[in-house]
């Protein structure tokens, strides 16, 4: 081989080697370029947090009281949840409390047949909830029901401000931390501290409810510093106590009941608050940079919070955007068949119980105008409370103005729709002065009279209708022409004026006895009788025993000047008024709303 050939071969080999080396270097570089972003942590992240609140036992899309379809229930909500999870796998799901009370479904399986696993716990576990703040209505059936439900669930109940009085330890889990797409999310749960205002003491025996603002100040730094959370979310069974636009503070059922605003305003380090308790839907609000949202009630909506984060120079995540919305459960949302299947045996057992006939009524009973005049449907509650409690006077409210019972057979469902809460009967010894104070407080449900207005147009929207108590056993008038605090006139008992120092056995409910609805005049009054049964069940048993519901009310109270105006109108029209035991009763028109606001929390 000549030198020229050798040089040519060497040249070819060098060129080939260069090509190989170049190819290797290119490939190596390609691997490095492609692998570098994979090995390095991502610079941006997005995640979604979904929230429900005040579910009150709604699983199936049905109104159990009317036995009609309704756009509500976890079966429909789960359809929305699954849609979001398909779009965004980085998703958490939390609830803000009042879960195991509210519908006949959960009442039946808390009281009548509590042996099976709780339906709400089964369904919510299947849906993949990450945690649930504890609401006040969780305590309605006592700690044994709470403990049973907690054992049956796949997620923690959260309440950092509920403590054991014996040793000062937390009764519920205070906080949890979830890691999603590398982002550490801390979730703090808080409960309204006003539970002792409404609840029977035996239902929270051994527990105390501390100031939620102070507890937030304690636990948020722990989540931020010790747990190194990138996002801090607070699920509170509390709402806003004011209009964020005007700053006007709303009347509260109890001091410190709703402190979501105070928590957002005064506790640094919080990013998002999922509210509850008030049943007020709030798509999006900001206080001191904190995002607040409220999904409303009864699983009618799903709150959605979307968060964007960027990784900062110290490798910690920093939130750069947050936005919330409330998605309604409308006609187009189909109930999830898996949830319906889980709830089916519970639903069928509940429906069978509700359909049980217990008595009859000779006339139709209606609640539409029961807050404007004495009615047989409210007098049914009074009769039961006075009979069972051997009381002189009874106080009761129309909780559900949409209730209607046709003439004929009466079922458990209809009584359940009349008395929708788990209140128990309590009889107090009170004075005539306390009775007058209670009636004056109730009369605040109406504004001062103005000519031409109907009673419905004079409703004080700052006072929930379920706090308008009516009395039986005494006669009285509410004169809306008089100033607030001095409207109750002609108050008599057995035909004689009520004296301030006169003693009465008053039948009412445990919610009122504890000061619920602002009835503070009952506090410290001697308790002379307490029933262990709910008033609703007492009514059911009374109807079962007596068979026929009396058709005529006692006509013992009037709303002035409407009764006087109606009497004059009927006199001019030649209409013959009705009288009962010498007391005038007007023929009232059906011009009132078929469903008034009744926003019990």
Foldseek 3Di string as FASTA:
>chain_A
DDPVVVVVVVVVVVVVVVVVVVVVVVVVVVCCVVCVVVPDADFKDKAKEKEAEAQFAFAAQAQLLVRGGHLFHPLLVLLVVVVVCVVGVQYAYEYQENQQHFHLLSVCCLPVNVPDARLRQVLVQVSPHAEYEYELNCLQSAVVSVVSNQVSHDYFYAAQQKAFPVPGHHPGHAWDWDAGSNAIEIEGHHYFQCSLLFHDCRSNPRIHGDQPLVSLQVVLVCCCPVVVGLAYEYRYAAADQADPVVRHGFDDQDPRRHCPLVNLAPHPNHAEYEYHNQLDFAFWDDHVNHIYGYQGHNRQKMKMKMWMWGQDPVRGIHTDDIGMGIGGSDPVRDRNVVSCVSCVVSVVVSSVQQAAWQFFEQAKFAQQCVLAFPFLLVVLLVVLLCVVVVWLKEKFFAQWRLQMDGGTTDGLSSLCNRPVDQWWKWKFKAALQLVLQLQLLLLLQFAADDPPDDRQRGGDVSAARRSNMDMPNWAWEAASNDDRPPRIPPTGHPPHHGDRGHITTYMYTSRVCSCGRNSCSNDPTHIDDTDPGGSSVSSSVVCNVVRYRDGDGPRRYHYPPVQVVQVVVCVVVVHDFDDDPNDTDGDDDPPGDSTDDRRRD
